[in-house]
PDB file of all heavy atoms in Angstrom:
ATOM      1  N   ASP A   1     142.620 -94.130 -94.290  1.00  0.00           N
ATOM      2  CA  ASP A   1     141.593 -93.067 -94.684  1.00  0.00           C
ATOM      3  C   ASP A   1     140.476 -92.869 -93.648  1.00  0.00           C
ATOM      4  O   ASP A   1     139.727 -91.929 -93.828  1.00  0.00           O
ATOM      5  CB  ASP A   1     140.984 -93.406 -96.040  1.00  0.00           C
ATOM      6  CG  ASP A   1     140.208 -94.742 -96.076  1.00  0.00           C
ATOM      7  OD1 ASP A   1     140.449 -95.545 -95.138  1.00  0.00           O
ATOM      8  OD2 ASP A   1     139.447 -94.947 -97.024  1.00  0.00           O
ATOM      9  N   ARG A   2     140.499 -93.701 -92.603  1.00  0.00           N
ATOM     10  CA  ARG A   2     139.518 -93.551 -91.576  1.00  0.00           C
ATOM     11  C   ARG A   2     140.095 -93.271 -90.123  1.00  0.00           C
ATOM     12  O   ARG A   2     139.540 -92.434 -89.385  1.00  0.00           O
ATOM     13  CB  ARG A   2     138.666 -94.845 -91.505  1.00  0.00           C
ATOM     14  CG  ARG A   2     137.776 -95.066 -92.720  1.00  0.00           C
ATOM     15  CD  ARG A   2     137.211 -96.498 -92.644  1.00  0.00           C
ATOM     16  NE  ARG A   2     138.194 -97.518 -92.921  1.00  0.00           N
ATOM     17  CZ  ARG A   2     138.095 -98.759 -92.509  1.00  0.00           C
ATOM     18  NH1 ARG A   2     137.089 -99.181 -91.829  1.00  0.00           N
ATOM     19  NH2 ARG A   2     139.024 -99.597 -92.825  1.00  0.00           N
ATOM     20  N   CYS A   3     141.207 -93.945 -89.872  1.00  0.00           N
ATOM     21  CA  CYS A   3     141.853 -93.774 -88.529  1.00  0.00           C
ATOM     22  C   CYS A   3     142.513 -92.445 -88.389  1.00  0.00           C
ATOM     23  O   CYS A   3     143.106 -91.919 -89.336  1.00  0.00           O
ATOM     24  CB  CYS A   3     142.899 -94.889 -88.347  1.00  0.00           C
ATOM     25  SG  CYS A   3     143.803 -94.833 -86.782  1.00  0.00           S
ATOM     26  N   GLY A   4     142.425 -91.851 -87.208  1.00  0.00           N
ATOM     27  CA  GLY A   4     143.030 -90.518 -86.988  1.00  0.00           C
ATOM     28  C   GLY A   4     144.447 -90.623 -86.438  1.00  0.00           C
ATOM     29  O   GLY A   4     145.000 -89.568 -86.026  1.00  0.00           O
ATOM     30  N   GLY A   5     145.083 -91.826 -86.448  1.00  0.00           N
ATOM     31  CA  GLY A   5     146.415 -92.010 -85.833  1.00  0.00           C
ATOM     32  C   GLY A   5     147.556 -91.488 -86.673  1.00  0.00           C
ATOM     33  O   GLY A   5     148.259 -90.578 -86.347  1.00  0.00           O
ATOM     34  N   CYS A   6     147.836 -92.109 -87.812  1.00  0.00           N
ATOM     35  CA  CYS A   6     149.014 -91.849 -88.563  1.00  0.00           C
ATOM     36  C   CYS A   6     148.719 -90.941 -89.724  1.00  0.00           C
ATOM     37  O   CYS A   6     148.578 -91.369 -90.893  1.00  0.00           O
ATOM     38  CB  CYS A   6     149.639 -93.162 -89.113  1.00  0.00           C
ATOM     39  SG  CYS A   6     150.063 -94.362 -87.788  1.00  0.00           S
ATOM     40  N   SER A   7     148.586 -89.648 -89.457  1.00  0.00           N
ATOM     41  CA  SER A   7     148.102 -88.723 -90.456  1.00  0.00           C
ATOM     42  C   SER A   7     149.208 -88.425 -91.521  1.00  0.00           C
ATOM     43  O   SER A   7     148.877 -87.732 -92.573  1.00  0.00           O
ATOM     44  CB  SER A   7     147.681 -87.410 -89.797  1.00  0.00           C
ATOM     45  OG  SER A   7     148.762 -86.846 -89.127  1.00  0.00           O
ATOM     46  N   TRP A   8     150.411 -88.857 -91.352  1.00  0.00           N
ATOM     47  CA  TRP A   8     151.422 -88.659 -92.380  1.00  0.00           C
ATOM     48  C   TRP A   8     151.836 -89.957 -93.155  1.00  0.00           C
ATOM     49  O   TRP A   8     152.914 -89.957 -93.767  1.00  0.00           O
ATOM     50  CB  TRP A   8     152.690 -88.051 -91.731  1.00  0.00           C
ATOM     51  CG  TRP A   8     152.600 -86.562 -91.539  1.00  0.00           C
ATOM     52  CD1 TRP A   8     151.484 -85.799 -91.602  1.00  0.00           C
ATOM     53  CD2 TRP A   8     153.666 -85.668 -91.168  1.00  0.00           C
ATOM     54  NE1 TRP A   8     151.774 -84.469 -91.307  1.00  0.00           N
ATOM     55  CE2 TRP A   8     153.064 -84.346 -91.068  1.00  0.00           C
ATOM     56  CE3 TRP A   8     155.029 -85.816 -90.930  1.00  0.00           C
ATOM     57  CZ2 TRP A   8     153.880 -83.263 -90.699  1.00  0.00           C
ATOM     58  CZ3 TRP A   8     155.769 -84.745 -90.561  1.00  0.00           C
ATOM     59  CH2 TRP A   8     155.229 -83.442 -90.453  1.00  0.00           C
ATOM     60  N   GLN A   9     151.093 -90.962 -93.058  1.00  0.00           N
ATOM     61  CA  GLN A   9     151.536 -92.219 -93.658  1.00  0.00           C
ATOM     62  C   GLN A   9     151.555 -92.176 -95.172  1.00  0.00           C
ATOM     63  O   GLN A   9     152.099 -93.032 -95.816  1.00  0.00           O
ATOM     64  CB  GLN A   9     150.499 -93.370 -93.182  1.00  0.00           C
ATOM     65  CG  GLN A   9     151.251 -94.702 -93.200  1.00  0.00           C
ATOM     66  CD  GLN A   9     150.294 -95.792 -92.663  1.00  0.00           C
ATOM     67  OE1 GLN A   9     149.740 -96.523 -93.419  1.00  0.00           O
ATOM     68  NE2 GLN A   9     150.229 -95.870 -91.318  1.00  0.00           N
ATOM     69  N   HIS A  10     150.893 -91.124 -95.742  1.00  0.00           N
ATOM     70  CA  HIS A  10     150.986 -90.932 -97.232  1.00  0.00           C
ATOM     71  C   HIS A  10     152.238 -90.254 -97.692  1.00  0.00           C
ATOM     72  O   HIS A  10     152.431 -90.110 -98.878  1.00  0.00           O
ATOM     73  CB  HIS A  10     149.787 -90.126 -97.674  1.00  0.00           C
ATOM     74  CG  HIS A  10     149.772 -88.692 -97.113  1.00  0.00           C
ATOM     75  ND1 HIS A  10     149.677 -88.399 -95.796  1.00  0.00           N
ATOM     76  CD2 HIS A  10     149.907 -87.496 -97.755  1.00  0.00           C
ATOM     77  CE1 HIS A  10     149.717 -87.101 -95.604  1.00  0.00           C
ATOM     78  NE2 HIS A  10     149.847 -86.538 -96.849  1.00  0.00           N
ATOM     79  N   LEU A  11     153.121 -89.958 -96.713  1.00  0.00           N
ATOM     80  CA  LEU A  11     154.430 -89.310 -97.051  1.00  0.00           C
ATOM     81  C   LEU A  11     155.593 -90.314 -96.918  1.00  0.00           C
ATOM     82  O   LEU A  11     155.574 -91.118 -95.969  1.00  0.00           O
ATOM     83  CB  LEU A  11     154.681 -88.079 -96.113  1.00  0.00           C
ATOM     84  CG  LEU A  11     153.740 -86.931 -96.207  1.00  0.00           C
ATOM     85  CD1 LEU A  11     153.922 -86.083 -94.987  1.00  0.00           C
ATOM     86  CD2 LEU A  11     154.080 -86.166 -97.436  1.00  0.00           C
ATOM     87  N   ARG A  12     156.491 -90.274 -97.875  1.00  0.00           N
ATOM     88  CA  ARG A  12     157.666 -91.066 -97.771  1.00  0.00           C
ATOM     89  C   ARG A  12     158.404 -90.650 -96.454  1.00  0.00           C
ATOM     90  O   ARG A  12     158.345 -89.510 -95.986  1.00  0.00           O
ATOM     91  CB  ARG A  12     158.675 -90.788 -98.940  1.00  0.00           C
ATOM     92  CG  ARG A  12     158.221 -91.271-100.211  1.00  0.00           C
ATOM     93  CD  ARG A  12     159.357 -91.455-101.260  1.00  0.00           C
ATOM     94  NE  ARG A  12     160.438 -90.557-100.936  1.00  0.00           N
ATOM     95  CZ  ARG A  12     160.684 -89.472-101.763  1.00  0.00           C
ATOM     96  NH1 ARG A  12     159.959 -89.196-102.854  1.00  0.00           N
ATOM     97  NH2 ARG A  12     161.732 -88.693-101.479  1.00  0.00           N
ATOM     98  N   TYR A  13     159.113 -91.614 -95.866  1.00  0.00           N
ATOM     99  CA  TYR A  13     159.728 -91.336 -94.544  1.00  0.00           C
ATOM    100  C   TYR A  13     160.781 -90.232 -94.573  1.00  0.00           C
ATOM    101  O   TYR A  13     160.878 -89.438 -93.677  1.00  0.00           O
ATOM    102  CB  TYR A  13     160.251 -92.622 -93.932  1.00  0.00           C
ATOM    103  CG  TYR A  13     160.663 -92.505 -92.447  1.00  0.00           C
ATOM    104  CD1 TYR A  13     159.781 -91.875 -91.578  1.00  0.00           C
ATOM    105  CD2 TYR A  13     161.966 -92.893 -92.024  1.00  0.00           C
ATOM    106  CE1 TYR A  13     160.183 -91.681 -90.217  1.00  0.00           C
ATOM    107  CE2 TYR A  13     162.319 -92.727 -90.701  1.00  0.00           C
ATOM    108  CZ  TYR A  13     161.429 -92.070 -89.834  1.00  0.00           C
ATOM    109  OH  TYR A  13     161.849 -91.890 -88.496  1.00  0.00           O
ATOM    110  N   ASP A  14     161.518 -90.180 -95.651  1.00  0.00           N
ATOM    111  CA  ASP A  14     162.531 -89.137 -95.711  1.00  0.00           C
ATOM    112  C   ASP A  14     161.935 -87.769 -95.800  1.00  0.00           C
ATOM    113  O   ASP A  14     162.364 -86.760 -95.181  1.00  0.00           O
ATOM    114  CB  ASP A  14     163.502 -89.276 -96.929  1.00  0.00           C
ATOM    115  CG  ASP A  14     162.771 -89.293 -98.259  1.00  0.00           C
ATOM    116  OD1 ASP A  14     161.527 -89.673 -98.281  1.00  0.00           O
ATOM    117  OD2 ASP A  14     163.377 -88.999 -99.319  1.00  0.00           O
ATOM    118  N   ALA A  15     160.734 -87.630 -96.417  1.00  0.00           N
ATOM    119  CA  ALA A  15     159.998 -86.366 -96.380  1.00  0.00           C
ATOM    120  C   ALA A  15     159.438 -86.001 -95.068  1.00  0.00           C
ATOM    121  O   ALA A  15     159.471 -84.832 -94.634  1.00  0.00           O
ATOM    122  CB  ALA A  15     158.841 -86.468 -97.485  1.00  0.00           C
ATOM    123  N   GLN A  16     159.006 -87.056 -94.300  1.00  0.00           N
ATOM    124  CA  GLN A  16     158.574 -86.795 -92.881  1.00  0.00           C
ATOM    125  C   GLN A  16     159.687 -86.265 -92.073  1.00  0.00           C
ATOM    126  O   GLN A  16     159.524 -85.266 -91.340  1.00  0.00           O
ATOM    127  CB  GLN A  16     158.050 -88.111 -92.313  1.00  0.00           C
ATOM    128  CG  GLN A  16     156.865 -88.736 -92.955  1.00  0.00           C
ATOM    129  CD  GLN A  16     156.448 -90.028 -92.318  1.00  0.00           C
ATOM    130  OE1 GLN A  16     156.655 -90.218 -91.057  1.00  0.00           O
ATOM    131  NE2 GLN A  16     155.841 -90.962 -93.056  1.00  0.00           N
ATOM    132  N   LEU A  17     160.871 -86.828 -92.231  1.00  0.00           N
ATOM    133  CA  LEU A  17     162.007 -86.346 -91.354  1.00  0.00           C
ATOM    134  C   LEU A  17     162.374 -84.923 -91.732  1.00  0.00           C
ATOM    135  O   LEU A  17     162.662 -84.143 -90.875  1.00  0.00           O
ATOM    136  CB  LEU A  17     163.216 -87.311 -91.614  1.00  0.00           C
ATOM    137  CG  LEU A  17     163.091 -88.752 -91.080  1.00  0.00           C
ATOM    138  CD1 LEU A  17     164.232 -89.598 -91.512  1.00  0.00           C
ATOM    139  CD2 LEU A  17     162.929 -88.699 -89.539  1.00  0.00           C
ATOM    140  N   GLN A  18     162.376 -84.599 -93.007  1.00  0.00           N
ATOM    141  CA  GLN A  18     162.699 -83.226 -93.450  1.00  0.00           C
ATOM    142  C   GLN A  18     161.678 -82.221 -92.822  1.00  0.00           C
ATOM    143  O   GLN A  18     162.050 -81.212 -92.302  1.00  0.00           O
ATOM    144  CB  GLN A  18     162.629 -83.142 -94.985  1.00  0.00           C
ATOM    145  CG  GLN A  18     163.745 -83.844 -95.685  1.00  0.00           C
ATOM    146  CD  GLN A  18     163.517 -83.992 -97.168  1.00  0.00           C
ATOM    147  OE1 GLN A  18     162.617 -83.393 -97.682  1.00  0.00           O
ATOM    148  NE2 GLN A  18     164.294 -84.804 -97.803  1.00  0.00           N
ATOM    149  N   ALA A  19     160.446 -82.643 -92.879  1.00  0.00           N
ATOM    150  CA  ALA A  19     159.387 -81.708 -92.345  1.00  0.00           C
ATOM    151  C   ALA A  19     159.467 -81.556 -90.857  1.00  0.00           C
ATOM    152  O   ALA A  19     159.270 -80.439 -90.328  1.00  0.00           O
ATOM    153  CB  ALA A  19     157.944 -82.223 -92.755  1.00  0.00           C
ATOM    154  N   LYS A  20     159.795 -82.620 -90.143  1.00  0.00           N
ATOM    155  CA  LYS A  20     159.911 -82.571 -88.652  1.00  0.00           C
ATOM    156  C   LYS A  20     161.161 -81.664 -88.273  1.00  0.00           C
ATOM    157  O   LYS A  20     161.049 -80.865 -87.342  1.00  0.00           O
ATOM    158  CB  LYS A  20     160.030 -83.946 -88.085  1.00  0.00           C
ATOM    159  CG  LYS A  20     158.794 -84.728 -88.172  1.00  0.00           C
ATOM    160  CD  LYS A  20     158.918 -86.079 -87.564  1.00  0.00           C
ATOM    161  CE  LYS A  20     157.597 -86.901 -87.812  1.00  0.00           C
ATOM    162  NZ  LYS A  20     157.465 -88.065 -86.957  1.00  0.00           N
ATOM    163  N   GLN A  21     162.225 -81.798 -88.986  1.00  0.00           N
ATOM    164  CA  GLN A  21     163.406 -80.967 -88.646  1.00  0.00           C
ATOM    165  C   GLN A  21     163.017 -79.484 -88.922  1.00  0.00           C
ATOM    166  O   GLN A  21     163.381 -78.674 -88.098  1.00  0.00           O
ATOM    167  CB  GLN A  21     164.572 -81.388 -89.519  1.00  0.00           C
ATOM    168  CG  GLN A  21     165.818 -80.443 -89.382  1.00  0.00           C
ATOM    169  CD  GLN A  21     167.091 -81.215 -89.359  1.00  0.00           C
ATOM    170  OE1 GLN A  21     167.165 -82.326 -89.044  1.00  0.00           O
ATOM    171  NE2 GLN A  21     168.154 -80.452 -89.653  1.00  0.00           N
ATOM    172  N   ARG A  22     162.354 -79.279 -90.028  1.00  0.00           N
ATOM    173  CA  ARG A  22     161.960 -77.905 -90.359  1.00  0.00           C
ATOM    174  C   ARG A  22     160.973 -77.299 -89.375  1.00  0.00           C
ATOM    175  O   ARG A  22     161.030 -76.148 -88.996  1.00  0.00           O
ATOM    176  CB  ARG A  22     161.350 -77.845 -91.759  1.00  0.00           C
ATOM    177  CG  ARG A  22     161.045 -76.458 -92.226  1.00  0.00           C
ATOM    178  CD  ARG A  22     160.793 -76.403 -93.812  1.00  0.00           C
ATOM    179  NE  ARG A  22     159.782 -77.395 -94.183  1.00  0.00           N
ATOM    180  CZ  ARG A  22     160.014 -78.484 -94.840  1.00  0.00           C
ATOM    181  NH1 ARG A  22     161.268 -78.764 -95.244  1.00  0.00           N
ATOM    182  NH2 ARG A  22     159.058 -79.336 -95.171  1.00  0.00           N
ATOM    183  N   SER A  23     160.022 -78.135 -88.739  1.00  0.00           N
ATOM    184  CA  SER A  23     159.053 -77.676 -87.816  1.00  0.00           C
ATOM    185  C   SER A  23     159.757 -77.221 -86.527  1.00  0.00           C
ATOM    186  O   SER A  23     159.345 -76.265 -85.907  1.00  0.00           O
ATOM    187  CB  SER A  23     158.011 -78.669 -87.574  1.00  0.00           C
ATOM    188  OG  SER A  23     158.528 -79.757 -86.796  1.00  0.00           O
ATOM    189  N   VAL A  24     160.799 -78.004 -86.106  1.00  0.00           N
ATOM    190  CA  VAL A  24     161.586 -77.533 -84.973  1.00  0.00           C
ATOM    191  C   VAL A  24     162.279 -76.183 -85.142  1.00  0.00           C
ATOM    192  O   VAL A  24     162.170 -75.295 -84.394  1.00  0.00           O
ATOM    193  CB  VAL A  24     162.523 -78.610 -84.498  1.00  0.00           C
ATOM    194  CG1 VAL A  24     163.462 -78.148 -83.344  1.00  0.00           C
ATOM    195  CG2 VAL A  24     161.853 -79.918 -84.142  1.00  0.00           C
ATOM    196  N   ASP A  25     162.968 -76.131 -86.264  1.00  0.00           N
ATOM    197  CA  ASP A  25     163.745 -74.884 -86.577  1.00  0.00           C
ATOM    198  C   ASP A  25     162.781 -73.702 -86.770  1.00  0.00           C
ATOM    199  O   ASP A  25     163.058 -72.625 -86.263  1.00  0.00           O
ATOM    200  CB  ASP A  25     164.484 -75.135 -87.886  1.00  0.00           C
ATOM    201  CG  ASP A  25     165.524 -73.998 -88.183  1.00  0.00           C
ATOM    202  OD1 ASP A  25     166.142 -73.518 -87.185  1.00  0.00           O
ATOM    203  OD2 ASP A  25     165.723 -73.727 -89.307  1.00  0.00           O
ATOM    204  N   ASP A  26     161.625 -73.891 -87.369  1.00  0.00           N
ATOM    205  CA  ASP A  26     160.697 -72.896 -87.673  1.00  0.00           C
ATOM    206  C   ASP A  26     160.133 -72.349 -86.266  1.00  0.00           C
ATOM    207  O   ASP A  26     160.064 -71.112 -86.065  1.00  0.00           O
ATOM    208  CB  ASP A  26     159.564 -73.371 -88.474  1.00  0.00           C
ATOM    209  CG  ASP A  26     158.486 -72.299 -88.715  1.00  0.00           C
ATOM    210  OD1 ASP A  26     158.788 -71.252 -89.381  1.00  0.00           O
ATOM    211  OD2 ASP A  26     157.358 -72.473 -88.216  1.00  0.00           O
ATOM    212  N   ALA A  27     159.768 -73.252 -85.396  1.00  0.00           N
ATOM    213  CA  ALA A  27     159.199 -72.819 -84.070  1.00  0.00           C
ATOM    214  C   ALA A  27     160.270 -72.020 -83.294  1.00  0.00           C
ATOM    215  O   ALA A  27     159.991 -71.000 -82.720  1.00  0.00           O
ATOM    216  CB  ALA A  27     158.757 -74.017 -83.242  1.00  0.00           C
ATOM    217  N   LEU A  28     161.515 -72.444 -83.309  1.00  0.00           N
ATOM    218  CA  LEU A  28     162.547 -71.801 -82.510  1.00  0.00           C
ATOM    219  C   LEU A  28     162.742 -70.401 -83.074  1.00  0.00           C
ATOM    220  O   LEU A  28     162.976 -69.462 -82.336  1.00  0.00           O
ATOM    221  CB  LEU A  28     163.856 -72.579 -82.544  1.00  0.00           C
ATOM    222  CG  LEU A  28     163.770 -73.895 -81.809  1.00  0.00           C
ATOM    223  CD1 LEU A  28     165.059 -74.673 -82.054  1.00  0.00           C
ATOM    224  CD2 LEU A  28     163.540 -73.694 -80.354  1.00  0.00           C
ATOM    225  N   ARG A  29     162.824 -70.275 -84.380  1.00  0.00           N
ATOM    226  CA  ARG A  29     163.038 -68.874 -84.977  1.00  0.00           C
ATOM    227  C   ARG A  29     161.837 -68.013 -84.967  1.00  0.00           C
ATOM    228  O   ARG A  29     161.918 -66.849 -84.671  1.00  0.00           O
ATOM    229  CB  ARG A  29     163.541 -69.141 -86.448  1.00  0.00           C
ATOM    230  CG  ARG A  29     164.906 -69.792 -86.477  1.00  0.00           C
ATOM    231  CD  ARG A  29     165.441 -70.005 -87.933  1.00  0.00           C
ATOM    232  NE  ARG A  29     166.667 -70.716 -87.962  1.00  0.00           N
ATOM    233  CZ  ARG A  29     167.869 -70.240 -87.664  1.00  0.00           C
ATOM    234  NH1 ARG A  29     167.995 -68.973 -87.371  1.00  0.00           N
ATOM    235  NH2 ARG A  29     168.914 -70.978 -87.670  1.00  0.00           N
ATOM    236  N   ARG A  30     160.630 -68.614 -85.254  1.00  0.00           N
ATOM    237  CA  ARG A  30     159.455 -67.803 -85.338  1.00  0.00           C
ATOM    238  C   ARG A  30     158.832 -67.472 -84.007  1.00  0.00           C
ATOM    239  O   ARG A  30     158.533 -66.330 -83.721  1.00  0.00           O
ATOM    240  CB  ARG A  30     158.400 -68.473 -86.236  1.00  0.00           C
ATOM    241  CG  ARG A  30     157.144 -67.698 -86.496  1.00  0.00           C
ATOM    242  CD  ARG A  30     156.243 -68.469 -87.494  1.00  0.00           C
ATOM    243  NE  ARG A  30     156.063 -69.829 -87.158  1.00  0.00           N
ATOM    244  CZ  ARG A  30     155.146 -70.272 -86.248  1.00  0.00           C
ATOM    245  NH1 ARG A  30     154.390 -69.488 -85.619  1.00  0.00           N
ATOM    246  NH2 ARG A  30     155.114 -71.608 -85.975  1.00  0.00           N
ATOM    247  N   ILE A  31     158.687 -68.443 -83.165  1.00  0.00           N
ATOM    248  CA  ILE A  31     158.060 -68.245 -81.801  1.00  0.00           C
ATOM    249  C   ILE A  31     159.130 -67.799 -80.773  1.00  0.00           C
ATOM    250  O   ILE A  31     158.917 -66.851 -80.045  1.00  0.00           O
ATOM    251  CB  ILE A  31     157.413 -69.523 -81.317  1.00  0.00           C
ATOM    252  CG1 ILE A  31     156.267 -69.964 -82.319  1.00  0.00           C
ATOM    253  CG2 ILE A  31     156.860 -69.309 -79.908  1.00  0.00           C
ATOM    254  CD1 ILE A  31     155.707 -71.317 -82.061  1.00  0.00           C
ATOM    255  N   GLY A  32     160.259 -68.495 -80.768  1.00  0.00           N
ATOM    256  CA  GLY A  32     161.298 -68.162 -79.759  1.00  0.00           C
ATOM    257  C   GLY A  32     162.279 -67.067 -80.177  1.00  0.00           C
ATOM    258  O   GLY A  32     163.027 -66.679 -79.287  1.00  0.00           O
ATOM    259  N   LYS A  33     162.256 -66.637 -81.410  1.00  0.00           N
ATOM    260  CA  LYS A  33     163.156 -65.609 -81.851  1.00  0.00           C
ATOM    261  C   LYS A  33     164.587 -66.019 -81.576  1.00  0.00           C
ATOM    262  O   LYS A  33     165.459 -65.201 -81.308  1.00  0.00           O
ATOM    263  CB  LYS A  33     162.898 -64.241 -81.181  1.00  0.00           C
ATOM    264  CG  LYS A  33     161.475 -63.797 -81.225  1.00  0.00           C
ATOM    265  CD  LYS A  33     160.906 -63.688 -82.613  1.00  0.00           C
ATOM    266  CE  LYS A  33     159.443 -63.281 -82.636  1.00  0.00           C
ATOM    267  NZ  LYS A  33     158.808 -63.290 -83.963  1.00  0.00           N
ATOM    268  N   MET A  34     164.884 -67.296 -81.737  1.00  0.00           N
ATOM    269  CA  MET A  34     166.220 -67.847 -81.583  1.00  0.00           C
ATOM    270  C   MET A  34     167.000 -67.722 -82.902  1.00  0.00           C
ATOM    271  O   MET A  34     166.415 -67.757 -83.982  1.00  0.00           O
ATOM    272  CB  MET A  34     166.159 -69.345 -81.210  1.00  0.00           C
ATOM    273  CG  MET A  34     165.352 -69.691 -79.973  1.00  0.00           C
ATOM    274  SD  MET A  34     166.353 -69.313 -78.466  1.00  0.00           S
ATOM    275  CE  MET A  34     165.371 -67.967 -77.820  1.00  0.00           C
ATOM    276  N   ALA A  35     168.305 -67.587 -82.740  1.00  0.00           N
ATOM    277  CA  ALA A  35     169.208 -67.479 -83.956  1.00  0.00           C
ATOM    278  C   ALA A  35     170.596 -67.993 -83.559  1.00  0.00           C
ATOM    279  O   ALA A  35     170.913 -68.111 -82.337  1.00  0.00           O
ATOM    280  CB  ALA A  35     169.247 -66.079 -84.483  1.00  0.00           C
ATOM    281  N   GLU A  36     171.383 -68.301 -84.550  1.00  0.00           N
ATOM    282  CA  GLU A  36     172.824 -68.666 -84.354  1.00  0.00           C
ATOM    283  C   GLU A  36     172.998 -69.840 -83.416  1.00  0.00           C
ATOM    284  O   GLU A  36     173.743 -69.865 -82.534  1.00  0.00           O
ATOM    285  CB  GLU A  36     173.566 -67.425 -83.813  1.00  0.00           C
ATOM    286  CG  GLU A  36     173.515 -66.292 -84.774  1.00  0.00           C
ATOM    287  CD  GLU A  36     174.369 -65.092 -84.242  1.00  0.00           C
ATOM    288  OE1 GLU A  36     174.964 -65.225 -83.057  1.00  0.00           O
ATOM    289  OE2 GLU A  36     174.392 -64.050 -84.880  1.00  0.00           O
ATOM    290  N   TYR A  37     172.208 -70.909 -83.693  1.00  0.00           N
ATOM    291  CA  TYR A  37     172.454 -72.154 -82.974  1.00  0.00           C
ATOM    292  C   TYR A  37     172.684 -73.275 -83.936  1.00  0.00           C
ATOM    293  O   TYR A  37     172.332 -73.175 -85.134  1.00  0.00           O
ATOM    294  CB  TYR A  37     171.135 -72.489 -82.096  1.00  0.00           C
ATOM    295  CG  TYR A  37     169.884 -72.526 -82.901  1.00  0.00           C
ATOM    296  CD1 TYR A  37     169.481 -73.688 -83.532  1.00  0.00           C
ATOM    297  CD2 TYR A  37     169.051 -71.420 -83.009  1.00  0.00           C
ATOM    298  CE1 TYR A  37     168.335 -73.736 -84.244  1.00  0.00           C
ATOM    299  CE2 TYR A  37     167.839 -71.463 -83.653  1.00  0.00           C
ATOM    300  CZ  TYR A  37     167.505 -72.656 -84.357  1.00  0.00           C
ATOM    301  OH  TYR A  37     166.345 -72.649 -85.013  1.00  0.00           O
ATOM    302  N   GLU A  38     173.284 -74.335 -83.494  1.00  0.00           N
ATOM    303  CA  GLU A  38     173.533 -75.502 -84.379  1.00  0.00           C
ATOM    304  C   GLU A  38     172.314 -76.379 -84.380  1.00  0.00           C
ATOM    305  O   GLU A  38     171.872 -76.875 -83.352  1.00  0.00           O
ATOM    306  CB  GLU A  38     174.738 -76.299 -83.834  1.00  0.00           C
ATOM    307  CG  GLU A  38     175.028 -77.551 -84.690  1.00  0.00           C
ATOM    308  CD  GLU A  38     176.047 -78.471 -84.039  1.00  0.00           C
ATOM    309  OE1 GLU A  38     176.407 -78.203 -82.880  1.00  0.00           O
ATOM    310  OE2 GLU A  38     176.443 -79.433 -84.636  1.00  0.00           O
ATOM    311  N   LEU A  39     171.792 -76.586 -85.564  1.00  0.00           N
ATOM    312  CA  LEU A  39     170.573 -77.516 -85.726  1.00  0.00           C
ATOM    313  C   LEU A  39     171.205 -78.796 -86.321  1.00  0.00           C
ATOM    314  O   LEU A  39     171.565 -78.843 -87.475  1.00  0.00           O
ATOM    315  CB  LEU A  39     169.604 -76.946 -86.683  1.00  0.00           C
ATOM    316  CG  LEU A  39     168.411 -77.824 -86.979  1.00  0.00           C
ATOM    317  CD1 LEU A  39     167.529 -78.018 -85.671  1.00  0.00           C
ATOM    318  CD2 LEU A  39     167.489 -77.207 -88.065  1.00  0.00           C
TER     319      LEU A  39
END
């Protein structure tokens, strides 16, 4: 609650992994306008 290091430690690890995969896919589609690739 004080350290600025591990800001996702309140999340289960499987939820962290899901969010990270989604952040990569979202950036590629939204910023890069990428489509039709294997994630």
